[in-house]
Amino acid sequence: MNGPPTREEVDAKLDNIRMSSEVFLGRLDARHAQAERRFAELRAEMSAFKAEFAALLDARLAEMRTEFNAKFAALYKAMVITAITSTLTIILGVGAINATVYTGMLGAFGKGEELGAMYTKLGQRMLEHDAQFNRMMLKQREDFARVEASLDARFAEEKAERARQRNRRAPRQ
């Protein structure tokens, strides 16, 4: 066997190498098929996971959307109620202020009317008192004039009586 290999030995070796490489390629093909199968399984699992995750995500998003809409509706309702109550409060407050001012003005006007009526009555009474006073003064003047005329007539009578008495007492010549 030290010599050159014979054709059969080379062929046997080549057959052996060919067999070894076919076994190796067979194994390699099997591994490749197994890897392809595993990748297919992984793709299927990923697709299932993706579908399941998408369904969960869609469900959660729908739930969140519903919850958000409910909260937003409550917020919107609260804002509308607050706006309405604020508007009513302002309107009623302004109405209350107007009513208070109107009542005060009406009271002041009433007091002014009463005061005007009182001044009118007072003016009428003063005119009545002036007229009464003027009548009393006229009567007093008339009374004083009568008394003065009466006194003047008396003094004149007394003077005439004294003059007669003097004339009686006086000697006649």
C-alpha atoms as a PDB file:
ATOM      1  CA  MET A   1       0.000   0.000   0.000  1.00  0.00           C
ATOM      2  CA  ASN A   2       2.855   2.183  -0.242  1.00  0.00           C
ATOM      3  CA  GLY A   3       2.541   2.664  -3.815  1.00  0.00           C
ATOM      4  CA  PRO A   4       0.165   4.731  -5.724  1.00  0.00           C
ATOM      5  CA  PRO A   5      -3.495   4.095  -4.961  1.00  0.00           C
ATOM      6  CA  THR A   6      -5.339   1.982  -7.372  1.00  0.00           C
ATOM      7  CA  ARG A   7      -8.341   3.086  -9.252  1.00  0.00           C
ATOM      8  CA  GLU A   8     -10.627   1.095  -7.003  1.00  0.00           C
ATOM      9  CA  GLU A   9      -9.111   2.599  -3.908  1.00  0.00           C
ATOM     10  CA  VAL A  10      -9.526   6.083  -5.312  1.00  0.00           C
ATOM     11  CA  ASP A  11     -13.054   5.233  -6.367  1.00  0.00           C
ATOM     12  CA  ALA A  12     -13.767   3.776  -2.920  1.00  0.00           C
ATOM     13  CA  LYS A  13     -12.393   6.848  -1.284  1.00  0.00           C
ATOM     14  CA  LEU A  14     -14.348   9.076  -3.587  1.00  0.00           C
ATOM     15  CA  ASP A  15     -17.454   7.009  -2.893  1.00  0.00           C
ATOM     16  CA  ASN A  16     -16.768   7.288   0.781  1.00  0.00           C
ATOM     17  CA  ILE A  17     -16.310  11.065   0.478  1.00  0.00           C
ATOM     18  CA  ARG A  18     -19.411  11.258  -1.703  1.00  0.00           C
ATOM     19  CA  MET A  19     -21.371   9.310   0.862  1.00  0.00           C
ATOM     20  CA  SER A  20     -20.043  11.382   3.653  1.00  0.00           C
ATOM     21  CA  SER A  21     -20.918  14.548   1.794  1.00  0.00           C
ATOM     22  CA  GLU A  22     -24.382  13.188   0.940  1.00  0.00           C
ATOM     23  CA  VAL A  23     -24.932  12.312   4.592  1.00  0.00           C
ATOM     24  CA  PHE A  24     -23.655  15.743   5.527  1.00  0.00           C
ATOM     25  CA  LEU A  25     -25.812  17.421   2.870  1.00  0.00           C
ATOM     26  CA  GLY A  26     -28.774  15.254   3.993  1.00  0.00           C
ATOM     27  CA  ARG A  27     -28.258  16.374   7.550  1.00  0.00           C
ATOM     28  CA  LEU A  28     -27.807  19.925   6.349  1.00  0.00           C
ATOM     29  CA  ASP A  29     -31.034  19.648   4.325  1.00  0.00           C
ATOM     30  CA  ALA A  30     -32.805  18.175   7.359  1.00  0.00           C
ATOM     31  CA  ARG A  31     -31.555  20.991   9.555  1.00  0.00           C
ATOM     32  CA  HIS A  32     -32.552  23.476   6.895  1.00  0.00           C
ATOM     33  CA  ALA A  33     -36.016  21.882   6.693  1.00  0.00           C
ATOM     34  CA  GLN A  34     -36.221  21.874  10.486  1.00  0.00           C
ATOM     35  CA  ALA A  35     -35.176  25.566  10.590  1.00  0.00           C
ATOM     36  CA  GLU A  36     -37.741  26.354   7.875  1.00  0.00           C
ATOM     37  CA  ARG A  37     -40.392  24.516   9.846  1.00  0.00           C
ATOM     38  CA  ARG A  38     -39.384  26.314  13.047  1.00  0.00           C
ATOM     39  CA  PHE A  39     -39.451  29.673  11.269  1.00  0.00           C
ATOM     40  CA  ALA A  40     -42.874  28.805   9.883  1.00  0.00           C
ATOM     41  CA  GLU A  41     -44.048  27.914  13.391  1.00  0.00           C
ATOM     42  CA  LEU A  42     -42.520  31.115  14.756  1.00  0.00           C
ATOM     43  CA  ARG A  43     -44.216  33.106  11.977  1.00  0.00           C
ATOM     44  CA  ALA A  44     -47.515  31.407  12.817  1.00  0.00           C
ATOM     45  CA  GLU A  45     -47.032  32.082  16.527  1.00  0.00           C
ATOM     46  CA  MET A  46     -46.051  35.700  15.800  1.00  0.00           C
ATOM     47  CA  SER A  47     -49.089  36.121  13.556  1.00  0.00           C
ATOM     48  CA  ALA A  48     -51.330  34.628  16.260  1.00  0.00           C
ATOM     49  CA  PHE A  49     -49.655  36.801  18.912  1.00  0.00           C
ATOM     50  CA  LYS A  50     -49.972  39.826  16.651  1.00  0.00           C
ATOM     51  CA  ALA A  51     -53.685  39.124  16.056  1.00  0.00           C
ATOM     52  CA  GLU A  52     -54.290  38.482  19.755  1.00  0.00           C
ATOM     53  CA  PHE A  53     -52.355  41.628  20.716  1.00  0.00           C
ATOM     54  CA  ALA A  54     -54.228  43.655  18.095  1.00  0.00           C
ATOM     55  CA  ALA A  55     -57.557  42.317  19.437  1.00  0.00           C
ATOM     56  CA  LEU A  56     -56.539  43.143  23.025  1.00  0.00           C
ATOM     57  CA  LEU A  57     -55.281  46.550  21.963  1.00  0.00           C
ATOM     58  CA  ASP A  58     -58.488  47.251  20.007  1.00  0.00           C
ATOM     59  CA  ALA A  59     -60.615  46.134  22.956  1.00  0.00           C
ATOM     60  CA  ARG A  60     -58.619  48.280  25.390  1.00  0.00           C
ATOM     61  CA  LEU A  61     -58.730  51.248  23.007  1.00  0.00           C
ATOM     62  CA  ALA A  62     -62.503  50.830  22.631  1.00  0.00           C
ATOM     63  CA  GLU A  63     -62.835  50.630  26.412  1.00  0.00           C
ATOM     64  CA  MET A  64     -60.646  53.710  26.880  1.00  0.00           C
ATOM     65  CA  ARG A  65     -62.574  55.552  24.153  1.00  0.00           C
ATOM     66  CA  THR A  66     -65.870  54.686  25.875  1.00  0.00           C
ATOM     67  CA  GLU A  67     -64.469  55.740  29.242  1.00  0.00           C
ATOM     68  CA  PHE A  68     -63.058  58.953  27.742  1.00  0.00           C
ATOM     69  CA  ASN A  69     -66.370  59.741  26.042  1.00  0.00           C
ATOM     70  CA  ALA A  70     -68.227  59.160  29.302  1.00  0.00           C
ATOM     71  CA  LYS A  71     -65.806  61.364  31.240  1.00  0.00           C
ATOM     72  CA  PHE A  72     -65.845  63.996  28.510  1.00  0.00           C
ATOM     73  CA  ALA A  73     -69.647  63.935  28.473  1.00  0.00           C
ATOM     74  CA  ALA A  74     -69.667  64.374  32.267  1.00  0.00           C
ATOM     75  CA  LEU A  75     -67.149  67.198  31.959  1.00  0.00           C
ATOM     76  CA  TYR A  76     -69.178  68.807  29.186  1.00  0.00           C
ATOM     77  CA  LYS A  77     -72.337  68.461  31.273  1.00  0.00           C
ATOM     78  CA  ALA A  78     -70.578  69.994  34.295  1.00  0.00           C
ATOM     79  CA  MET A  79     -69.302  72.874  32.155  1.00  0.00           C
ATOM     80  CA  VAL A  80     -72.767  73.530  30.723  1.00  0.00           C
ATOM     81  CA  ILE A  81     -74.375  73.359  34.163  1.00  0.00           C
ATOM     82  CA  THR A  82     -71.692  75.662  35.561  1.00  0.00           C
ATOM     83  CA  ALA A  83     -72.199  78.120  32.707  1.00  0.00           C
ATOM     84  CA  ILE A  84     -75.965  78.082  33.183  1.00  0.00           C
ATOM     85  CA  THR A  85     -75.751  78.486  36.963  1.00  0.00           C
ATOM     86  CA  SER A  86     -73.154  81.232  36.609  1.00  0.00           C
ATOM     87  CA  THR A  87     -75.352  83.044  34.114  1.00  0.00           C
ATOM     88  CA  LEU A  88     -78.403  82.645  36.332  1.00  0.00           C
ATOM     89  CA  THR A  89     -76.418  83.812  39.354  1.00  0.00           C
ATOM     90  CA  ILE A  90     -75.258  86.892  37.480  1.00  0.00           C
ATOM     91  CA  ILE A  91     -78.748  87.617  36.160  1.00  0.00           C
ATOM     92  CA  LEU A  92     -80.368  87.101  39.556  1.00  0.00           C
ATOM     93  CA  GLY A  93     -77.620  89.096  41.267  1.00  0.00           C
ATOM     94  CA  VAL A  94     -78.051  91.986  38.871  1.00  0.00           C
ATOM     95  CA  GLY A  95     -81.823  91.667  39.289  1.00  0.00           C
ATOM     96  CA  ALA A  96     -81.433  91.722  43.070  1.00  0.00           C
ATOM     97  CA  ILE A  97     -79.183  94.767  42.865  1.00  0.00           C
ATOM     98  CA  ASN A  98     -81.649  96.458  40.517  1.00  0.00           C
ATOM     99  CA  ALA A  99     -84.540  95.590  42.837  1.00  0.00           C
ATOM    100  CA  THR A 100     -82.618  96.978  45.796  1.00  0.00           C
ATOM    101  CA  VAL A 101     -81.742 100.159  43.947  1.00  0.00           C
ATOM    102  CA  TYR A 102     -85.309 100.475  42.655  1.00  0.00           C
ATOM    103  CA  THR A 103     -86.715  99.942  46.144  1.00  0.00           C
ATOM    104  CA  GLY A 104     -84.300 102.504  47.571  1.00  0.00           C
ATOM    105  CA  MET A 105     -85.123 104.991  44.840  1.00  0.00           C
ATOM    106  CA  LEU A 106     -88.842 104.348  45.235  1.00  0.00           C
ATOM    107  CA  GLY A 107     -88.523 104.818  49.004  1.00  0.00           C
ATOM    108  CA  ALA A 108     -86.532 108.016  48.523  1.00  0.00           C
ATOM    109  CA  PHE A 109     -89.070 109.214  45.952  1.00  0.00           C
ATOM    110  CA  GLY A 110     -91.879 108.348  48.381  1.00  0.00           C
ATOM    111  CA  LYS A 111     -90.118 110.207  51.175  1.00  0.00           C
ATOM    112  CA  GLY A 112     -89.555 113.120  48.815  1.00  0.00           C
ATOM    113  CA  GLU A 113     -93.229 113.022  47.871  1.00  0.00           C
ATOM    114  CA  GLU A 114     -94.187 112.909  51.549  1.00  0.00           C
ATOM    115  CA  LEU A 115     -91.789 115.736  52.271  1.00  0.00           C
ATOM    116  CA  GLY A 116     -93.223 117.727  49.363  1.00  0.00           C
ATOM    117  CA  ALA A 117     -96.764 117.064  50.599  1.00  0.00           C
ATOM    118  CA  MET A 118     -95.678 118.076  54.099  1.00  0.00           C
ATOM    119  CA  TYR A 119     -94.119 121.291  52.767  1.00  0.00           C
ATOM    120  CA  THR A 120     -97.277 121.971  50.747  1.00  0.00           C
ATOM    121  CA  LYS A 121     -99.457 121.447  53.833  1.00  0.00           C
ATOM    122  CA  LEU A 122     -97.084 123.555  55.881  1.00  0.00           C
ATOM    123  CA  GLY A 123     -97.204 126.293  53.250  1.00  0.00           C
ATOM    124  CA  GLN A 124    -101.022 126.135  53.218  1.00  0.00           C
ATOM    125  CA  ARG A 125    -101.142 126.305  57.011  1.00  0.00           C
ATOM    126  CA  MET A 126     -98.724 129.210  56.972  1.00  0.00           C
ATOM    127  CA  LEU A 127    -100.969 131.000  54.456  1.00  0.00           C
ATOM    128  CA  GLU A 128    -104.003 130.204  56.585  1.00  0.00           C
ATOM    129  CA  HIS A 129    -102.187 131.437  59.696  1.00  0.00           C
ATOM    130  CA  ASP A 130    -101.064 134.581  57.847  1.00  0.00           C
ATOM    131  CA  ALA A 131    -104.632 135.230  56.718  1.00  0.00           C
ATOM    132  CA  GLN A 132    -105.914 134.566  60.238  1.00  0.00           C
ATOM    133  CA  PHE A 133    -103.188 136.785  61.674  1.00  0.00           C
ATOM    134  CA  ASN A 134    -104.042 139.528  59.166  1.00  0.00           C
ATOM    135  CA  ARG A 135    -107.746 139.231  60.108  1.00  0.00           C
ATOM    136  CA  MET A 136    -106.839 139.398  63.805  1.00  0.00           C
ATOM    137  CA  MET A 137    -104.613 142.436  63.196  1.00  0.00           C
ATOM    138  CA  LEU A 138    -107.381 144.120  61.189  1.00  0.00           C
ATOM    139  CA  LYS A 139    -109.876 143.346  63.951  1.00  0.00           C
ATOM    140  CA  GLN A 140    -107.454 144.645  66.577  1.00  0.00           C
ATOM    141  CA  ARG A 141    -106.890 147.796  64.553  1.00  0.00           C
ATOM    142  CA  GLU A 142    -110.623 148.206  64.199  1.00  0.00           C
ATOM    143  CA  ASP A 143    -111.034 147.551  67.935  1.00  0.00           C
ATOM    144  CA  PHE A 144    -108.202 150.010  68.721  1.00  0.00           C
ATOM    145  CA  ALA A 145    -109.791 152.544  66.361  1.00  0.00           C
ATOM    146  CA  ARG A 146    -113.184 152.092  68.108  1.00  0.00           C
ATOM    147  CA  VAL A 147    -111.585 152.292  71.510  1.00  0.00           C
ATOM    148  CA  GLU A 148    -109.583 155.343  70.408  1.00  0.00           C
ATOM    149  CA  ALA A 149    -112.683 156.937  68.895  1.00  0.00           C
ATOM    150  CA  SER A 150    -114.619 156.083  72.030  1.00  0.00           C
ATOM    151  CA  LEU A 151    -111.816 157.499  74.191  1.00  0.00           C
ATOM    152  CA  ASP A 152    -111.571 160.590  71.977  1.00  0.00           C
ATOM    153  CA  ALA A 153    -115.349 161.049  72.265  1.00  0.00           C
ATOM    154  CA  ARG A 154    -115.123 160.599  76.009  1.00  0.00           C
ATOM    155  CA  PHE A 155    -112.239 162.984  76.304  1.00  0.00           C
ATOM    156  CA  ALA A 156    -114.126 165.409  74.128  1.00  0.00           C
ATOM    157  CA  GLU A 157    -117.247 165.014  76.337  1.00  0.00           C
ATOM    158  CA  GLU A 158    -115.199 165.374  79.472  1.00  0.00           C
ATOM    159  CA  LYS A 159    -113.486 168.437  78.015  1.00  0.00           C
ATOM    160  CA  ALA A 160    -116.811 169.844  77.031  1.00  0.00           C
ATOM    161  CA  GLU A 161    -118.203 169.025  80.487  1.00  0.00           C
ATOM    162  CA  ARG A 162    -115.265 170.717  82.159  1.00  0.00           C
ATOM    163  CA  ALA A 163    -115.662 173.658  79.928  1.00  0.00           C
ATOM    164  CA  ARG A 164    -119.337 173.847  80.839  1.00  0.00           C
ATOM    165  CA  GLN A 165    -118.535 173.534  84.469  1.00  0.00           C
ATOM    166  CA  ARG A 166    -115.970 176.254  84.171  1.00  0.00           C
ATOM    167  CA  ASN A 167    -118.445 178.318  82.359  1.00  0.00           C
ATOM    168  CA  ARG A 168    -120.948 177.760  85.126  1.00  0.00           C
ATOM    169  CA  ARG A 169    -118.536 178.672  87.785  1.00  0.00           C
ATOM    170  CA  ALA A 170    -117.215 181.595  86.066  1.00  0.00           C
ATOM    171  CA  PRO A 171    -119.027 184.850  86.796  1.00  0.00           C
ATOM    172  CA  ARG A 172    -121.027 186.281  84.114  1.00  0.00           C
ATOM    173  CA  GLN A 173    -120.345 189.716  83.284  1.00  0.00           C
END
